[in-house]
Amino acid sequence: MSSAATAFRDRRVLFVVLLVVLAANAAVLLSYRTFYDERLQALVSEQAALRTRRDEARRRTQDAEASERKLFETQEALNAFFSETLGKREDRIAPLIEEIYATTRAAGLRPDAISYTSTDAPGTDSLTMTFAVAGPYADFKRLLAGLERSKRFLVVEQVGLSGGSADDPDLVNVSITVTNYFRPGSLRPIRTVREGRGATGARPATAPRGRTTR
């Protein structure tokens, strides 16, 4: 028997052990690759889910900020309407009467007298004025236009129109009833929305109690 065959027979056990080790390593690598692929797919799915949740949270935050801005704008509009357009009766009644007389004079008309009816029902505070004027129809149209241009909450409730005499067919006799609304005294103040919070609801930082900031 040759020396090569003898050497191979002596090392046969070593070769078998090496083959077993290689097979074991291959099995470990295969199982690790399978685990890695599954874990990678799970991480990719989790990342996609987190991105979806992030985008949804971002959209909700933007919607909340838009609603907050709309709330501030509505609050400002209501405050302007009640304070500037309506106003309190005691502050607005004298300027209102002056405006009625000034509007009729600007139209070339002059009311002989104005009758007043006041309404102060719950939730309503108004003053109704009725007066009569006589003049050309064109002047009457200017009067109506002037009343409609008023920045007050002035409503033309009723208009009575009758023709003039045969000597002046363009002359008309007009009876007008207008109502001006004021801010009701029973109206509660509009709640002011605090602007100290952002869309995330975070409160502004405050100094700890018992300490003085400088």
C-alpha atoms as a PDB file:
ATOM      1  CA  MET A   1       0.000   0.000   0.000  1.00  0.00           C
ATOM      2  CA  SER A   2       1.348   3.332  -0.937  1.00  0.00           C
ATOM      3  CA  SER A   3       2.205   6.035   1.514  1.00  0.00           C
ATOM      4  CA  ALA A   4      -0.431   8.382  -0.034  1.00  0.00           C
ATOM      5  CA  ALA A   5      -3.221   5.884   0.614  1.00  0.00           C
ATOM      6  CA  THR A   6      -1.978   5.332   4.113  1.00  0.00           C
ATOM      7  CA  ALA A   7      -1.954   9.114   4.779  1.00  0.00           C
ATOM      8  CA  PHE A   8      -5.493   9.520   3.402  1.00  0.00           C
ATOM      9  CA  ARG A   9      -6.730   6.652   5.611  1.00  0.00           C
ATOM     10  CA  ASP A  10      -5.125   8.202   8.629  1.00  0.00           C
ATOM     11  CA  ARG A  11      -6.737  11.594   7.944  1.00  0.00           C
ATOM     12  CA  ARG A  12     -10.172  10.268   6.938  1.00  0.00           C
ATOM     13  CA  VAL A  13     -11.652  11.057  10.324  1.00  0.00           C
ATOM     14  CA  LEU A  14     -10.337  14.617  10.091  1.00  0.00           C
ATOM     15  CA  PHE A  15     -11.953  15.057   6.652  1.00  0.00           C
ATOM     16  CA  VAL A  16     -15.265  13.752   7.997  1.00  0.00           C
ATOM     17  CA  VAL A  17     -15.109  16.232  10.883  1.00  0.00           C
ATOM     18  CA  LEU A  18     -14.351  19.088   8.486  1.00  0.00           C
ATOM     19  CA  LEU A  19     -17.293  18.113   6.261  1.00  0.00           C
ATOM     20  CA  VAL A  20     -19.585  18.039   9.283  1.00  0.00           C
ATOM     21  CA  VAL A  21     -18.350  21.475  10.384  1.00  0.00           C
ATOM     22  CA  LEU A  22     -18.843  22.894   6.877  1.00  0.00           C
ATOM     23  CA  ALA A  23     -22.363  21.459   6.716  1.00  0.00           C
ATOM     24  CA  ALA A  24     -23.165  22.929  10.122  1.00  0.00           C
ATOM     25  CA  ASN A  25     -21.837  26.362   9.060  1.00  0.00           C
ATOM     26  CA  ALA A  26     -23.863  26.217   5.867  1.00  0.00           C
ATOM     27  CA  ALA A  27     -26.997  25.390   7.861  1.00  0.00           C
ATOM     28  CA  VAL A  28     -26.305  28.244  10.291  1.00  0.00           C
ATOM     29  CA  LEU A  29     -25.724  30.695   7.462  1.00  0.00           C
ATOM     30  CA  LEU A  30     -28.897  29.581   5.703  1.00  0.00           C
ATOM     31  CA  SER A  31     -31.016  29.908   8.843  1.00  0.00           C
ATOM     32  CA  TYR A  32     -29.447  33.311   9.638  1.00  0.00           C
ATOM     33  CA  ARG A  33     -30.175  34.546   6.125  1.00  0.00           C
ATOM     34  CA  THR A  34     -33.777  33.401   6.434  1.00  0.00           C
ATOM     35  CA  PHE A  35     -34.097  35.135   9.835  1.00  0.00           C
ATOM     36  CA  TYR A  36     -32.407  38.262   8.470  1.00  0.00           C
ATOM     37  CA  ASP A  37     -34.766  38.457   5.485  1.00  0.00           C
ATOM     38  CA  GLU A  38     -37.824  38.054   7.715  1.00  0.00           C
ATOM     39  CA  ARG A  39     -36.515  40.652  10.162  1.00  0.00           C
ATOM     40  CA  LEU A  40     -35.704  43.038   7.331  1.00  0.00           C
ATOM     41  CA  GLN A  41     -39.197  42.691   5.902  1.00  0.00           C
ATOM     42  CA  ALA A  42     -40.677  43.310   9.350  1.00  0.00           C
ATOM     43  CA  LEU A  43     -38.557  46.451   9.804  1.00  0.00           C
ATOM     44  CA  VAL A  44     -39.516  47.733   6.361  1.00  0.00           C
ATOM     45  CA  SER A  45     -43.206  47.184   7.133  1.00  0.00           C
ATOM     46  CA  GLU A  46     -42.819  48.885  10.506  1.00  0.00           C
ATOM     47  CA  GLN A  47     -41.048  51.841   8.874  1.00  0.00           C
ATOM     48  CA  ALA A  48     -43.864  52.221   6.336  1.00  0.00           C
ATOM     49  CA  ALA A  49     -46.454  52.091   9.134  1.00  0.00           C
ATOM     50  CA  LEU A  50     -44.560  54.706  11.153  1.00  0.00           C
ATOM     51  CA  ARG A  51     -44.343  57.001   8.113  1.00  0.00           C
ATOM     52  CA  THR A  52     -48.081  56.649   7.580  1.00  0.00           C
ATOM     53  CA  ARG A  53     -48.749  57.503  11.230  1.00  0.00           C
ATOM     54  CA  ARG A  54     -46.349  60.453  11.017  1.00  0.00           C
ATOM     55  CA  ASP A  55     -48.080  61.818   7.914  1.00  0.00           C
ATOM     56  CA  GLU A  56     -51.487  61.382   9.555  1.00  0.00           C
ATOM     57  CA  ALA A  57     -50.304  63.150  12.709  1.00  0.00           C
ATOM     58  CA  ARG A  58     -48.853  65.965  10.601  1.00  0.00           C
ATOM     59  CA  ARG A  59     -52.147  66.338   8.718  1.00  0.00           C
ATOM     60  CA  ARG A  60     -54.127  66.430  11.949  1.00  0.00           C
ATOM     61  CA  THR A  61     -51.761  69.031  13.353  1.00  0.00           C
ATOM     62  CA  GLN A  62     -52.228  71.207  10.275  1.00  0.00           C
ATOM     63  CA  ASP A  63     -56.006  70.794  10.519  1.00  0.00           C
ATOM     64  CA  ALA A  64     -55.890  71.764  14.194  1.00  0.00           C
ATOM     65  CA  GLU A  65     -53.800  74.857  13.414  1.00  0.00           C
ATOM     66  CA  ALA A  66     -56.229  75.860  10.639  1.00  0.00           C
ATOM     67  CA  SER A  67     -59.200  75.409  12.997  1.00  0.00           C
ATOM     68  CA  GLU A  68     -57.433  77.464  15.650  1.00  0.00           C
ATOM     69  CA  ARG A  69     -56.774  80.290  13.184  1.00  0.00           C
ATOM     70  CA  LYS A  70     -60.402  80.156  12.045  1.00  0.00           C
ATOM     71  CA  LEU A  71     -61.533  80.342  15.663  1.00  0.00           C
ATOM     72  CA  PHE A  72     -59.389  83.426  16.296  1.00  0.00           C
ATOM     73  CA  GLU A  73     -60.704  85.085  13.120  1.00  0.00           C
ATOM     74  CA  THR A  74     -64.327  84.331  14.037  1.00  0.00           C
ATOM     75  CA  GLN A  75     -63.773  85.645  17.535  1.00  0.00           C
ATOM     76  CA  GLU A  76     -62.279  88.885  16.216  1.00  0.00           C
ATOM     77  CA  ALA A  77     -65.142  89.291  13.733  1.00  0.00           C
ATOM     78  CA  LEU A  78     -67.730  88.794  16.470  1.00  0.00           C
ATOM     79  CA  ASN A  79     -66.000  91.248  18.782  1.00  0.00           C
ATOM     80  CA  ALA A  80     -65.839  93.830  15.976  1.00  0.00           C
ATOM     81  CA  PHE A  81     -69.511  93.290  15.103  1.00  0.00           C
ATOM     82  CA  PHE A  82     -70.769  93.664  18.662  1.00  0.00           C
ATOM     83  CA  SER A  83     -68.494  96.549  19.628  1.00  0.00           C
ATOM     84  CA  GLU A  84     -68.216  98.531  16.364  1.00  0.00           C
ATOM     85  CA  THR A  85     -71.392  97.729  14.412  1.00  0.00           C
ATOM     86  CA  LEU A  86     -73.902  97.286  17.227  1.00  0.00           C
ATOM     87  CA  GLY A  87     -72.395  99.044  20.208  1.00  0.00           C
ATOM     88  CA  LYS A  88     -74.180  99.934  23.439  1.00  0.00           C
ATOM     89  CA  ARG A  89     -77.448 101.859  23.365  1.00  0.00           C
ATOM     90  CA  GLU A  90     -76.244 104.596  25.706  1.00  0.00           C
ATOM     91  CA  ASP A  91     -73.211 105.226  23.488  1.00  0.00           C
ATOM     92  CA  ARG A  92     -74.945 105.026  20.097  1.00  0.00           C
ATOM     93  CA  ILE A  93     -78.444 106.496  20.394  1.00  0.00           C
ATOM     94  CA  ALA A  94     -77.501 110.190  20.143  1.00  0.00           C
ATOM     95  CA  PRO A  95     -75.135 109.726  17.143  1.00  0.00           C
ATOM     96  CA  LEU A  96     -77.815 107.536  15.518  1.00  0.00           C
ATOM     97  CA  ILE A  97     -80.450 110.276  15.614  1.00  0.00           C
ATOM     98  CA  GLU A  98     -77.927 112.789  14.310  1.00  0.00           C
ATOM     99  CA  GLU A  99     -77.098 110.436  11.434  1.00  0.00           C
ATOM    100  CA  ILE A 100     -80.774 110.036  10.489  1.00  0.00           C
ATOM    101  CA  TYR A 101     -81.226 113.807  10.280  1.00  0.00           C
ATOM    102  CA  ALA A 102     -77.932 114.219   8.409  1.00  0.00           C
ATOM    103  CA  THR A 103     -78.871 111.502   5.894  1.00  0.00           C
ATOM    104  CA  THR A 104     -82.264 113.083   5.168  1.00  0.00           C
ATOM    105  CA  ARG A 105     -80.701 116.524   4.756  1.00  0.00           C
ATOM    106  CA  ALA A 106     -78.041 115.126   2.396  1.00  0.00           C
ATOM    107  CA  ALA A 107     -80.877 113.738   0.234  1.00  0.00           C
ATOM    108  CA  GLY A 108     -82.598 117.157   0.145  1.00  0.00           C
ATOM    109  CA  LEU A 109     -85.409 116.043   2.456  1.00  0.00           C
ATOM    110  CA  ARG A 110     -86.501 117.083   5.920  1.00  0.00           C
ATOM    111  CA  PRO A 111     -88.619 115.014   8.321  1.00  0.00           C
ATOM    112  CA  ASP A 112     -91.146 117.033  10.291  1.00  0.00           C
ATOM    113  CA  ALA A 113     -90.905 114.687  13.298  1.00  0.00           C
ATOM    114  CA  ILE A 114     -89.574 111.287  14.219  1.00  0.00           C
ATOM    115  CA  SER A 115     -91.476 108.861  16.435  1.00  0.00           C
ATOM    116  CA  TYR A 116     -89.538 106.309  18.450  1.00  0.00           C
ATOM    117  CA  THR A 117     -90.389 102.823  19.681  1.00  0.00           C
ATOM    118  CA  SER A 118     -87.908 100.996  21.875  1.00  0.00           C
ATOM    119  CA  THR A 119     -87.655  97.225  22.247  1.00  0.00           C
ATOM    120  CA  ASP A 120     -85.637  95.608  25.000  1.00  0.00           C
ATOM    121  CA  ALA A 121     -86.691  91.958  24.923  1.00  0.00           C
ATOM    122  CA  PRO A 122     -84.311  89.222  26.150  1.00  0.00           C
ATOM    123  CA  GLY A 123     -81.516  88.987  23.607  1.00  0.00           C
ATOM    124  CA  THR A 124     -82.754  92.032  21.656  1.00  0.00           C
ATOM    125  CA  ASP A 125     -82.205  95.747  22.066  1.00  0.00           C
ATOM    126  CA  SER A 126     -83.476  97.950  19.249  1.00  0.00           C
ATOM    127  CA  LEU A 127     -84.880 101.366  18.490  1.00  0.00           C
ATOM    128  CA  THR A 128     -87.518 101.763  15.770  1.00  0.00           C
ATOM    129  CA  MET A 129     -87.932 105.197  14.146  1.00  0.00           C
ATOM    130  CA  THR A 130     -90.779 106.297  11.889  1.00  0.00           C
ATOM    131  CA  PHE A 131     -90.816 109.578   9.994  1.00  0.00           C
ATOM    132  CA  ALA A 132     -92.386 111.102   6.896  1.00  0.00           C
ATOM    133  CA  VAL A 133     -90.785 113.179   4.156  1.00  0.00           C
ATOM    134  CA  ALA A 134     -92.039 114.785   0.970  1.00  0.00           C
ATOM    135  CA  GLY A 135     -90.058 115.625  -2.126  1.00  0.00           C
ATOM    136  CA  PRO A 136     -89.040 114.451  -5.590  1.00  0.00           C
ATOM    137  CA  TYR A 137     -88.801 110.705  -6.146  1.00  0.00           C
ATOM    138  CA  ALA A 138     -85.102 111.029  -7.022  1.00  0.00           C
ATOM    139  CA  ASP A 139     -84.424 112.545  -3.580  1.00  0.00           C
ATOM    140  CA  PHE A 140     -86.278 109.652  -1.960  1.00  0.00           C
ATOM    141  CA  LYS A 141     -84.057 107.167  -3.813  1.00  0.00           C
ATOM    142  CA  ARG A 142     -80.982 109.016  -2.561  1.00  0.00           C
ATOM    143  CA  LEU A 143     -82.358 108.809   0.976  1.00  0.00           C
ATOM    144  CA  LEU A 144     -82.794 105.039   0.771  1.00  0.00           C
ATOM    145  CA  ALA A 145     -79.290 104.663  -0.641  1.00  0.00           C
ATOM    146  CA  GLY A 146     -77.902 106.754   2.208  1.00  0.00           C
ATOM    147  CA  LEU A 147     -79.673 104.651   4.825  1.00  0.00           C
ATOM    148  CA  GLU A 148     -78.380 101.442   3.247  1.00  0.00           C
ATOM    149  CA  ARG A 149     -74.809 102.756   3.298  1.00  0.00           C
ATOM    150  CA  SER A 150     -74.925 103.271   7.054  1.00  0.00           C
ATOM    151  CA  LYS A 151     -72.265 101.351   8.963  1.00  0.00           C
ATOM    152  CA  ARG A 152     -74.740 100.794  11.770  1.00  0.00           C
ATOM    153  CA  PHE A 153     -77.050  97.791  12.023  1.00  0.00           C
ATOM    154  CA  LEU A 154     -79.824  99.841  10.461  1.00  0.00           C
ATOM    155  CA  VAL A 155     -82.698  98.014   8.767  1.00  0.00           C
ATOM    156  CA  VAL A 156     -85.414  99.638   6.628  1.00  0.00           C
ATOM    157  CA  GLU A 157     -88.513  97.859   7.917  1.00  0.00           C
ATOM    158  CA  GLN A 158     -91.319  99.543   5.999  1.00  0.00           C
ATOM    159  CA  VAL A 159     -91.855 102.177   3.284  1.00  0.00           C
ATOM    160  CA  GLY A 160     -95.169 103.826   2.501  1.00  0.00           C
ATOM    161  CA  LEU A 161     -95.338 105.773  -0.761  1.00  0.00           C
ATOM    162  CA  SER A 162     -98.085 108.008  -2.099  1.00  0.00           C
ATOM    163  CA  GLY A 163     -98.175 110.297  -5.123  1.00  0.00           C
ATOM    164  CA  GLY A 164     -98.097 114.058  -5.058  1.00  0.00           C
ATOM    165  CA  SER A 165    -100.499 116.637  -6.442  1.00  0.00           C
ATOM    166  CA  ALA A 166    -101.490 117.226 -10.052  1.00  0.00           C
ATOM    167  CA  ASP A 167     -99.445 120.452 -10.065  1.00  0.00           C
ATOM    168  CA  ASP A 168     -96.266 118.504  -9.149  1.00  0.00           C
ATOM    169  CA  PRO A 169     -96.597 114.862 -10.266  1.00  0.00           C
ATOM    170  CA  ASP A 170     -92.959 114.123  -9.376  1.00  0.00           C
ATOM    171  CA  LEU A 171     -93.628 114.959  -5.729  1.00  0.00           C
ATOM    172  CA  VAL A 172     -94.060 111.912  -3.454  1.00  0.00           C
ATOM    173  CA  ASN A 173     -95.032 111.555   0.182  1.00  0.00           C
ATOM    174  CA  VAL A 174     -93.055 108.829   1.908  1.00  0.00           C
ATOM    175  CA  SER A 175     -93.397 107.247   5.328  1.00  0.00           C
ATOM    176  CA  ILE A 176     -90.294 105.299   6.392  1.00  0.00           C
ATOM    177  CA  THR A 177     -89.796 102.948   9.336  1.00  0.00           C
ATOM    178  CA  VAL A 178     -86.221 101.969  10.209  1.00  0.00           C
ATOM    179  CA  THR A 179     -84.873  99.927  13.109  1.00  0.00           C
ATOM    180  CA  ASN A 180     -81.411 100.107  14.588  1.00  0.00           C
ATOM    181  CA  TYR A 181     -80.150  97.207  16.689  1.00  0.00           C
ATOM    182  CA  PHE A 182     -77.799  97.599  19.645  1.00  0.00           C
ATOM    183  CA  ARG A 183     -75.744  95.126  21.574  1.00  0.00           C
ATOM    184  CA  PRO A 184     -78.098  93.550  24.146  1.00  0.00           C
ATOM    185  CA  GLY A 185     -77.195  94.348  27.715  1.00  0.00           C
ATOM    186  CA  SER A 186     -77.908  90.733  28.681  1.00  0.00           C
ATOM    187  CA  LEU A 187     -75.354  89.409  26.198  1.00  0.00           C
ATOM    188  CA  ARG A 188     -72.500  87.659  27.923  1.00  0.00           C
ATOM    189  CA  PRO A 189     -68.978  88.701  26.945  1.00  0.00           C
ATOM    190  CA  ILE A 190     -67.489  86.551  24.221  1.00  0.00           C
ATOM    191  CA  ARG A 191     -65.039  84.098  25.666  1.00  0.00           C
ATOM    192  CA  THR A 192     -61.520  84.982  24.694  1.00  0.00           C
ATOM    193  CA  VAL A 193     -59.471  82.104  23.306  1.00  0.00           C
ATOM    194  CA  ARG A 194     -56.047  81.884  24.892  1.00  0.00           C
ATOM    195  CA  GLU A 195     -53.266  82.245  22.361  1.00  0.00           C
ATOM    196  CA  GLY A 196     -50.625  80.973  24.769  1.00  0.00           C
ATOM    197  CA  ARG A 197     -51.012  77.415  23.460  1.00  0.00           C
ATOM    198  CA  GLY A 198     -49.836  76.258  20.093  1.00  0.00           C
ATOM    199  CA  ALA A 199     -51.253  73.463  18.029  1.00  0.00           C
ATOM    200  CA  THR A 200     -49.377  70.948  20.174  1.00  0.00           C
ATOM    201  CA  GLY A 201     -51.125  72.182  23.335  1.00  0.00           C
ATOM    202  CA  ALA A 202     -47.866  73.172  25.039  1.00  0.00           C
ATOM    203  CA  ARG A 203     -48.148  75.814  27.744  1.00  0.00           C
ATOM    204  CA  PRO A 204     -45.721  78.738  27.864  1.00  0.00           C
ATOM    205  CA  ALA A 205     -42.835  78.220  30.248  1.00  0.00           C
ATOM    206  CA  THR A 206     -43.289  79.725  33.723  1.00  0.00           C
ATOM    207  CA  ALA A 207     -40.838  80.291  36.514  1.00  0.00           C
ATOM    208  CA  PRO A 208     -40.930  77.769  39.403  1.00  0.00           C
ATOM    209  CA  ARG A 209     -42.800  78.872  42.516  1.00  0.00           C
ATOM    210  CA  GLY A 210     -40.738  80.410  45.222  1.00  0.00           C
ATOM    211  CA  ARG A 211     -38.057  81.628  42.826  1.00  0.00           C
ATOM    212  CA  THR A 212     -37.519  84.987  41.246  1.00  0.00           C
ATOM    213  CA  THR A 213     -36.406  85.254  37.642  1.00  0.00           C
ATOM    214  CA  ARG A 214     -34.039  88.008  36.586  1.00  0.00           C
END
